[in-house]
Amino acid sequence: MPWAPPSELTVTTDAAGKVTGELVVPVNPRLALSVTGIITPAAGGIPEGVDLRAEGGRSVNEIRGYFMPNGTVVGLTLAIQGDPGGKPNGSSGPFVLIPNP
């Protein structure tokens, strides 16, 4: 069963790989989380990825993902505090980010 409803992530990156943006979770009321982090380079057989932190309201989540050849990002999210899906602090689960066509 999905942990959270499908959400929308909008981010930008700079030349150094710094990531900033917003994650909108369609819960009631709508929750907009500020996203910050960095793109991690591929190394030692591990693909290029992202390390992100999403914060807003009482919610703090850490996100680590890896880019797949088709542009999809797969990874794990960790609920640090006040998870939007109502899971206890310390809960973790997989995610998939699918790029808009």
Protein backbone atom coordinates (compact mmCIF):
# COMPACT_ATOMS: atom_id res chain seq x y z
CA MET A 1 0.00 0.00 0.00
CA PRO A 2 1.38 3.45 -0.86
CA TRP A 3 2.73 5.40 2.08
CA ALA A 4 1.86 8.82 0.64
CA PRO A 5 -0.24 10.09 -2.25
CA PRO A 6 1.44 10.91 -5.57
CA SER A 7 3.17 14.26 -5.07
CA GLU A 8 4.86 16.82 -7.31
CA LEU A 9 8.55 17.71 -7.00
CA THR A 10 9.83 20.80 -8.79
CA VAL A 11 13.55 21.55 -8.48
CA THR A 12 16.41 23.45 -10.07
CA THR A 13 20.12 22.74 -9.89
CA ASP A 14 23.10 25.02 -10.28
CA ALA A 15 26.49 24.30 -11.90
CA ALA A 16 27.85 22.97 -8.58
CA GLY A 17 24.97 20.46 -8.24
CA LYS A 18 23.09 22.35 -5.51
CA VAL A 19 19.37 21.47 -5.61
CA THR A 20 16.54 23.78 -4.48
CA GLY A 21 12.82 23.50 -4.99
CA GLU A 22 9.47 22.41 -3.62
CA LEU A 23 7.65 19.14 -2.95
CA VAL A 24 3.86 19.50 -2.92
CA VAL A 25 1.98 16.73 -1.10
CA PRO A 26 -1.78 16.71 -1.80
CA VAL A 27 -2.94 16.12 1.76
CA ASN A 28 -5.66 18.15 3.45
CA PRO A 29 -4.57 20.86 3.85
CA ARG A 30 -2.09 20.92 0.95
CA LEU A 31 1.49 20.67 2.18
CA ALA A 32 4.39 22.43 0.41
CA LEU A 33 7.84 21.33 1.56
CA SER A 34 10.99 23.30 0.81
CA VAL A 35 13.59 21.02 -0.79
CA THR A 36 17.36 21.53 -0.58
CA GLY A 37 20.27 19.25 -1.30
CA ILE A 38 22.93 18.20 -3.75
CA ILE A 39 23.43 15.94 -6.74
CA THR A 40 25.94 13.20 -5.88
CA PRO A 41 28.34 12.09 -8.63
CA ALA A 42 28.59 8.49 -9.78
CA ALA A 43 31.46 6.66 -8.06
CA GLY A 44 32.59 3.10 -7.42
CA GLY A 45 29.73 1.50 -9.33
CA ILE A 46 27.07 3.63 -7.59
CA PRO A 47 25.08 5.77 -10.06
CA GLU A 48 24.68 9.53 -9.93
CA GLY A 49 22.07 10.46 -7.36
CA VAL A 50 20.58 13.08 -5.06
CA ASP A 51 20.68 13.73 -1.33
CA LEU A 52 17.77 15.98 -0.37
CA ARG A 53 16.02 17.37 2.69
CA ALA A 54 12.33 18.34 2.52
CA GLU A 55 10.99 20.62 5.28
CA GLY A 56 7.73 22.43 5.84
CA GLY A 57 5.25 22.94 8.66
CA ARG A 58 6.12 20.28 11.22
CA SER A 59 7.49 17.87 8.59
CA VAL A 60 11.16 17.01 7.97
CA ASN A 61 12.16 14.19 5.61
CA GLU A 62 15.50 13.09 4.20
CA ILE A 63 15.58 11.68 0.68
CA ARG A 64 18.33 9.70 -1.07
CA GLY A 65 17.81 8.61 -4.65
CA TYR A 66 19.67 7.39 -7.70
CA PHE A 67 19.15 8.27 -11.37
CA MET A 68 18.15 5.45 -13.68
CA PRO A 69 19.11 5.52 -17.40
CA ASN A 70 15.56 6.62 -18.37
CA GLY A 71 15.65 9.69 -16.07
CA THR A 72 13.57 8.11 -13.30
CA VAL A 73 14.93 8.49 -9.76
CA VAL A 74 14.49 5.65 -7.27
CA GLY A 75 15.44 5.69 -3.63
CA LEU A 76 14.45 5.90 0.01
CA THR A 77 12.79 8.57 2.11
CA LEU A 78 13.25 8.80 5.88
CA ALA A 79 10.69 10.56 8.11
CA ILE A 80 12.73 12.59 10.58
CA GLN A 81 9.76 14.44 12.08
CA GLY A 82 6.03 14.92 11.40
CA ASP A 83 5.68 12.72 8.33
CA PRO A 84 2.94 13.98 5.95
CA GLY A 85 1.69 10.39 5.55
CA GLY A 86 1.27 10.03 9.32
CA LYS A 87 4.06 7.46 9.77
CA PRO A 88 6.08 7.50 13.01
CA ASN A 89 9.35 9.44 13.19
CA GLY A 90 12.15 7.20 11.92
CA SER A 91 9.94 5.42 9.36
CA SER A 92 11.45 4.88 5.94
CA GLY A 93 10.16 3.70 2.61
CA PRO A 94 10.96 3.53 -1.10
CA PHE A 95 9.95 6.12 -3.67
CA VAL A 96 10.00 6.57 -7.42
CA LEU A 97 10.23 9.97 -9.14
CA ILE A 98 8.96 9.87 -12.70
CA PRO A 99 9.89 12.85 -14.88
CA ASN A 100 7.10 14.75 -16.61
CA PRO A 101 7.03 14.03 -20.36
